[in-house]
Amino acid sequence: MFQNIGKYLETRENHPDFLLIDGSRVVARGMIDATARETGRNFETAFVDIFDFREGKIVQYERLINTHVMFKALYDQTGSAE
């Protein structure tokens, strides 16, 4: 699912409010405001992105996010897809 997240979510805002650069690693913290395409439910939650660079290219990317908030928007109360 996470490889095709744009298929499931429409992101309205995704902006970092903090950046930390340490050599070839960049850490960004911010907020994401999105809507689940299937349910039309909105959600907002914090995120942390971690980027590792080599020769000017991203070689590793990791996003930490409150998946509970995101999945509540994606699925109905029973946990099944609508």
Protein backbone atom coordinates (compact mmCIF):
# COMPACT_ATOMS: atom_id res chain seq x y z
CA MET A 1 0.00 0.00 0.00
CA PHE A 2 2.66 2.55 0.96
CA GLN A 3 4.33 2.39 -2.45
CA ASN A 4 1.12 3.78 -3.99
CA ILE A 5 -0.08 6.06 -1.18
CA GLY A 6 -1.23 8.72 -3.65
CA LYS A 7 -3.77 6.23 -4.92
CA TYR A 8 -5.43 6.24 -1.48
CA LEU A 9 -4.80 9.77 -0.17
CA GLU A 10 -5.14 13.27 -1.56
CA THR A 11 -2.65 15.44 0.27
CA ARG A 12 -3.72 19.06 0.73
CA GLU A 13 -0.72 20.19 2.77
CA ASN A 14 2.54 18.49 3.61
CA HIS A 15 4.98 20.98 5.03
CA PRO A 16 7.98 20.61 7.30
CA ASP A 17 8.43 22.99 10.22
CA PHE A 18 11.85 21.68 11.26
CA LEU A 19 14.89 20.46 9.31
CA LEU A 20 18.04 18.86 10.66
CA ILE A 21 20.97 18.23 8.31
CA ASP A 22 23.80 16.01 9.50
CA GLY A 23 26.23 15.08 6.75
CA SER A 24 24.36 12.93 4.24
CA ARG A 25 21.21 12.62 6.37
CA VAL A 26 18.29 15.06 6.46
CA VAL A 27 15.47 14.82 9.01
CA ALA A 28 12.28 16.82 8.46
CA ARG A 29 9.41 17.15 10.94
CA GLY A 30 6.05 18.62 9.97
CA MET A 31 2.32 18.20 9.52
CA ILE A 32 0.31 16.46 6.82
CA ASP A 33 -3.28 17.37 6.01
CA ALA A 34 -4.95 14.84 3.71
CA THR A 35 -8.21 13.23 2.61
CA ALA A 36 -8.83 9.51 2.12
CA ARG A 37 -10.04 9.18 -1.49
CA GLU A 38 -12.45 6.26 -0.83
CA THR A 39 -14.14 7.60 2.30
CA GLY A 40 -13.76 11.36 1.87
CA ARG A 41 -12.56 11.59 5.48
CA ASN A 42 -9.97 14.24 6.34
CA PHE A 43 -7.10 13.80 8.76
CA GLU A 44 -4.17 15.81 10.04
CA THR A 45 -1.15 14.38 11.80
CA ALA A 46 2.53 14.98 12.40
CA PHE A 47 5.25 13.25 10.37
CA VAL A 48 9.00 12.77 10.45
CA ASP A 49 10.84 12.12 7.18
CA ILE A 50 14.38 10.75 7.13
CA PHE A 51 16.42 11.03 3.92
CA ASP A 52 19.85 9.52 3.30
CA PHE A 53 21.81 10.89 0.35
CA ARG A 54 24.73 9.53 -1.63
CA GLU A 55 26.31 11.48 -4.49
CA GLY A 56 23.41 13.96 -4.42
CA LYS A 57 20.70 11.30 -4.77
CA ILE A 58 18.25 9.92 -2.21
CA VAL A 59 19.30 6.33 -1.46
CA GLN A 60 16.97 5.73 1.48
CA TYR A 61 13.73 7.33 2.63
CA GLU A 62 11.64 6.62 5.70
CA ARG A 63 8.43 8.33 6.89
CA LEU A 64 7.21 8.04 10.45
CA ILE A 65 3.53 8.92 10.82
CA ASN A 66 0.61 8.23 13.13
CA THR A 67 -0.84 5.35 11.13
CA HIS A 68 -3.79 5.00 13.53
CA VAL A 69 -5.08 8.44 12.48
CA MET A 70 -4.48 7.67 8.80
CA PHE A 71 -6.19 4.26 8.90
CA LYS A 72 -9.23 5.69 10.73
CA ALA A 73 -9.68 7.98 7.71
CA LEU A 74 -9.11 5.15 5.22
CA TYR A 75 -11.42 2.56 6.79
CA ASP A 76 -14.82 2.47 8.44
CA GLN A 77 -15.39 1.86 12.17
CA THR A 78 -15.16 -1.94 11.84
CA GLY A 79 -11.75 -1.76 10.19
CA SER A 80 -12.92 -2.96 6.78
CA ALA A 81 -12.49 -0.96 3.61
CA GLU A 82 -15.60 0.87 2.45
